[in-house]
Amino acid sequence: MLTGYRLQFVGDDGHHSRAVRFTCSDDVAATLFAEERRAEHVLELWAGKRLVAKFPKLEDA
C-alpha cells in the first residue's frame, strides 16, 4: 500500500516556500526520496499531519 507524503521546502525566514507531493511504500523510502532532493533549503518530510523527518541545509549538515 502506498502512502502520500509531502516534501516541504523551508526558506531562510522559516516559512514554507513550496511543496512536492509524492507517494512511497513507507517512511524509509520517502526519506530516501527526500534525501536525494536536499539542497540549499531546509526540508520537512510530512505524511499527512505527521512530521516524518526534518533535513538541514546541505551546507549546515
C-alpha atoms as a PDB file:
ATOM      1  CA  MET A   1       0.000   0.000   0.000  1.00  0.00           C
ATOM      2  CA  LEU A   2       1.315   3.456  -0.898  1.00  0.00           C
ATOM      3  CA  THR A   3       1.296   6.408   1.477  1.00  0.00           C
ATOM      4  CA  GLY A   4       1.033  10.050   0.440  1.00  0.00           C
ATOM      5  CA  TYR A   5       3.904  12.304   1.508  1.00  0.00           C
ATOM      6  CA  ARG A   6       4.720  15.989   1.188  1.00  0.00           C
ATOM      7  CA  LEU A   7       8.241  17.353   0.964  1.00  0.00           C
ATOM      8  CA  GLN A   8       8.112  20.925   2.229  1.00  0.00           C
ATOM      9  CA  PHE A   9      10.887  23.382   1.313  1.00  0.00           C
ATOM     10  CA  VAL A  10      11.564  25.912   4.086  1.00  0.00           C
ATOM     11  CA  GLY A  11      13.113  29.302   3.356  1.00  0.00           C
ATOM     12  CA  ASP A  12      15.697  31.117   5.462  1.00  0.00           C
ATOM     13  CA  ASP A  13      12.832  33.056   7.053  1.00  0.00           C
ATOM     14  CA  GLY A  14      11.317  29.784   8.343  1.00  0.00           C
ATOM     15  CA  HIS A  15       8.291  29.907   6.045  1.00  0.00           C
ATOM     16  CA  HIS A  16       7.344  27.136   3.648  1.00  0.00           C
ATOM     17  CA  SER A  17       8.229  28.190   0.119  1.00  0.00           C
ATOM     18  CA  ARG A  18       6.959  25.224  -1.925  1.00  0.00           C
ATOM     19  CA  ALA A  19       5.968  21.591  -1.628  1.00  0.00           C
ATOM     20  CA  VAL A  20       6.339  18.394  -3.627  1.00  0.00           C
ATOM     21  CA  ARG A  21       3.697  15.700  -3.164  1.00  0.00           C
ATOM     22  CA  PHE A  22       4.560  12.071  -3.828  1.00  0.00           C
ATOM     23  CA  THR A  23       3.742   8.514  -2.762  1.00  0.00           C
ATOM     24  CA  CYS A  24       6.049   5.848  -1.351  1.00  0.00           C
ATOM     25  CA  SER A  25       5.700   2.430   0.194  1.00  0.00           C
ATOM     26  CA  ASP A  26       6.919   3.524   3.652  1.00  0.00           C
ATOM     27  CA  ASP A  27       8.799   6.162   5.659  1.00  0.00           C
ATOM     28  CA  VAL A  28      12.197   4.705   4.763  1.00  0.00           C
ATOM     29  CA  ALA A  29      11.552   5.005   1.017  1.00  0.00           C
ATOM     30  CA  ALA A  30      10.123   8.506   1.480  1.00  0.00           C
ATOM     31  CA  THR A  31      13.178   9.555   3.495  1.00  0.00           C
ATOM     32  CA  LEU A  32      15.482   8.331   0.724  1.00  0.00           C
ATOM     33  CA  PHE A  33      13.402  10.273  -1.813  1.00  0.00           C
ATOM     34  CA  ALA A  34      13.749  13.415   0.323  1.00  0.00           C
ATOM     35  CA  GLU A  35      17.494  12.993   0.874  1.00  0.00           C
ATOM     36  CA  GLU A  36      18.040  12.911  -2.900  1.00  0.00           C
ATOM     37  CA  ARG A  37      16.424  16.363  -3.145  1.00  0.00           C
ATOM     38  CA  ARG A  38      18.346  18.113  -0.397  1.00  0.00           C
ATOM     39  CA  ALA A  39      19.996  21.344  -1.451  1.00  0.00           C
ATOM     40  CA  GLU A  40      20.256  24.863  -0.106  1.00  0.00           C
ATOM     41  CA  HIS A  41      16.915  24.621   1.704  1.00  0.00           C
ATOM     42  CA  VAL A  42      15.782  23.091   4.955  1.00  0.00           C
ATOM     43  CA  LEU A  43      13.348  20.288   4.090  1.00  0.00           C
ATOM     44  CA  GLU A  44      10.483  18.825   6.097  1.00  0.00           C
ATOM     45  CA  LEU A  45       9.004  15.450   5.195  1.00  0.00           C
ATOM     46  CA  TRP A  46       5.338  15.061   6.120  1.00  0.00           C
ATOM     47  CA  ALA A  47       2.867  12.175   5.949  1.00  0.00           C
ATOM     48  CA  GLY A  48      -0.455  13.920   6.419  1.00  0.00           C
ATOM     49  CA  LYS A  49      -0.214  15.822   9.719  1.00  0.00           C
ATOM     50  CA  ARG A  50       2.756  13.751  10.928  1.00  0.00           C
ATOM     51  CA  LEU A  51       6.273  15.168  10.605  1.00  0.00           C
ATOM     52  CA  VAL A  52       8.418  12.234   9.483  1.00  0.00           C
ATOM     53  CA  ALA A  53      11.813  13.953   9.277  1.00  0.00           C
ATOM     54  CA  LYS A  54      13.499  17.326   9.049  1.00  0.00           C
ATOM     55  CA  PHE A  55      16.640  17.822   6.972  1.00  0.00           C
ATOM     56  CA  PRO A  56      19.066  20.728   7.450  1.00  0.00           C
ATOM     57  CA  LYS A  57      20.580  22.581   4.508  1.00  0.00           C
ATOM     58  CA  LEU A  58      23.428  20.593   2.991  1.00  0.00           C
ATOM     59  CA  GLU A  59      25.854  23.389   3.873  1.00  0.00           C
ATOM     60  CA  ASP A  60      24.729  23.097   7.513  1.00  0.00           C
ATOM     61  CA  ALA A  61      24.895  19.304   7.654  1.00  0.00           C
END
